[in-house]
Amino acid sequence: MFADLGLPNPEIALAKAELVQHIRAVIAERKLTQAKTAALLGLDQPKVSALVRGRTAGYSIDRLFKFLNALGQQIEISVRPAPRGADSAGTRVVVG
């Protein structure tokens, strides 16, 4: 999807979008206001608003991980060989 848009590093853009989707889900599940979320994440409310609307410019994957940690989520990183016959290795987010 992001590759079709001609974005640089489409796998990273997709991973960031999936992380933000999970951030949104945690916020909704915990029924947090944007003000409370801002306090937990160390952001101001307008930045939380932009983030939950998918604006990830200026946020690294590492920072999104820290936001998830601040929301009580554990991050696990798994590295393994690409499947046989795959054109290239890739990056993906698995939420579980």
Protein backbone atom coordinates (compact mmCIF):
# COMPACT_ATOMS: atom_id res chain seq x y z
CA MET A 1 0.00 0.00 0.00
CA PHE A 2 2.64 2.59 1.02
CA ALA A 3 4.93 1.36 -1.77
CA ASP A 4 2.16 2.13 -4.26
CA LEU A 5 2.18 5.73 -3.05
CA GLY A 6 5.87 6.08 -3.83
CA LEU A 7 6.79 6.81 -0.22
CA PRO A 8 10.40 6.28 0.83
CA ASN A 9 10.83 3.25 3.11
CA PRO A 10 7.28 1.95 2.67
CA GLU A 11 7.78 -0.94 5.11
CA ILE A 12 8.79 1.51 7.85
CA ALA A 13 5.80 3.74 7.05
CA LEU A 14 3.50 0.72 7.30
CA ALA A 15 5.08 -0.43 10.58
CA LYS A 16 4.62 3.06 12.05
CA ALA A 17 0.99 3.14 10.91
CA GLU A 18 0.34 -0.24 12.54
CA LEU A 19 1.99 0.91 15.79
CA VAL A 20 -0.18 4.04 15.81
CA GLN A 21 -3.24 1.87 15.20
CA HIS A 22 -2.32 -0.12 18.31
CA ILE A 23 -1.75 3.10 20.29
CA ARG A 24 -5.25 4.25 19.26
CA ALA A 25 -6.72 0.90 20.31
CA VAL A 26 -5.11 1.07 23.76
CA ILE A 27 -6.32 4.65 24.23
CA ALA A 28 -9.86 3.61 23.29
CA GLU A 29 -9.78 0.44 25.40
CA ARG A 30 -8.64 2.40 28.46
CA LYS A 31 -11.09 5.23 27.65
CA LEU A 32 -8.31 7.80 27.98
CA THR A 33 -8.91 11.40 27.03
CA GLN A 34 -6.39 13.10 24.79
CA ALA A 35 -5.31 15.23 27.75
CA LYS A 36 -4.65 12.13 29.92
CA THR A 37 -2.89 10.44 27.01
CA ALA A 38 -0.74 13.53 26.50
CA ALA A 39 0.30 13.44 30.14
CA LEU A 40 1.21 9.75 29.93
CA LEU A 41 3.19 10.17 26.71
CA GLY A 42 4.88 13.45 27.60
CA LEU A 43 3.27 15.26 24.67
CA ASP A 44 0.85 18.13 24.39
CA GLN A 45 -2.76 17.43 23.43
CA PRO A 46 -2.52 18.73 19.83
CA LYS A 47 0.38 16.32 19.18
CA VAL A 48 -1.68 13.43 20.55
CA SER A 49 -4.53 14.46 18.29
CA ALA A 50 -2.23 14.50 15.25
CA LEU A 51 -0.65 11.17 16.23
CA VAL A 52 -3.95 9.32 16.62
CA ARG A 53 -4.98 10.68 13.21
CA GLY A 54 -1.94 8.92 11.74
CA ARG A 55 0.51 11.77 11.45
CA THR A 56 3.76 10.01 12.24
CA ALA A 57 6.24 12.49 10.74
CA GLY A 58 8.82 13.27 13.38
CA TYR A 59 8.23 10.04 15.31
CA SER A 60 10.69 7.19 15.05
CA ILE A 61 9.65 3.60 15.57
CA ASP A 62 11.65 3.70 18.81
CA ARG A 63 9.59 6.64 20.07
CA LEU A 64 6.35 4.86 19.15
CA PHE A 65 7.63 1.85 21.13
CA LYS A 66 8.18 4.17 24.12
CA PHE A 67 4.64 5.51 23.77
CA LEU A 68 3.31 1.94 23.84
CA ASN A 69 5.44 1.20 26.92
CA ALA A 70 4.03 4.33 28.62
CA LEU A 71 0.56 2.94 27.87
CA GLY A 72 1.43 -0.32 29.63
CA GLN A 73 2.25 -2.37 26.54
CA GLN A 74 5.22 -4.72 26.27
CA ILE A 75 7.27 -4.68 23.08
CA GLU A 76 9.00 -7.83 21.83
CA ILE A 77 11.29 -7.78 18.83
CA SER A 78 11.87 -10.97 16.89
CA VAL A 79 14.52 -11.37 14.20
CA ARG A 80 14.52 -14.42 11.94
CA PRO A 81 15.58 -15.42 8.44
CA ALA A 82 13.33 -14.46 5.55
CA PRO A 83 11.20 -17.30 4.20
CA ARG A 84 12.77 -19.36 1.43
CA GLY A 85 11.98 -18.03 -1.98
CA ALA A 86 11.18 -14.54 -0.69
CA ASP A 87 12.39 -11.74 -2.93
CA SER A 88 13.73 -9.84 0.06
CA ALA A 89 13.58 -9.65 3.82
CA GLY A 90 11.13 -7.22 5.36
CA THR A 91 9.76 -5.55 8.44
CA ARG A 92 6.31 -6.11 9.88
CA VAL A 93 4.40 -5.47 13.08
CA VAL A 94 2.59 -8.36 14.71
CA VAL A 95 0.20 -7.45 17.52
CA GLY A 96 -0.92 -10.18 19.78
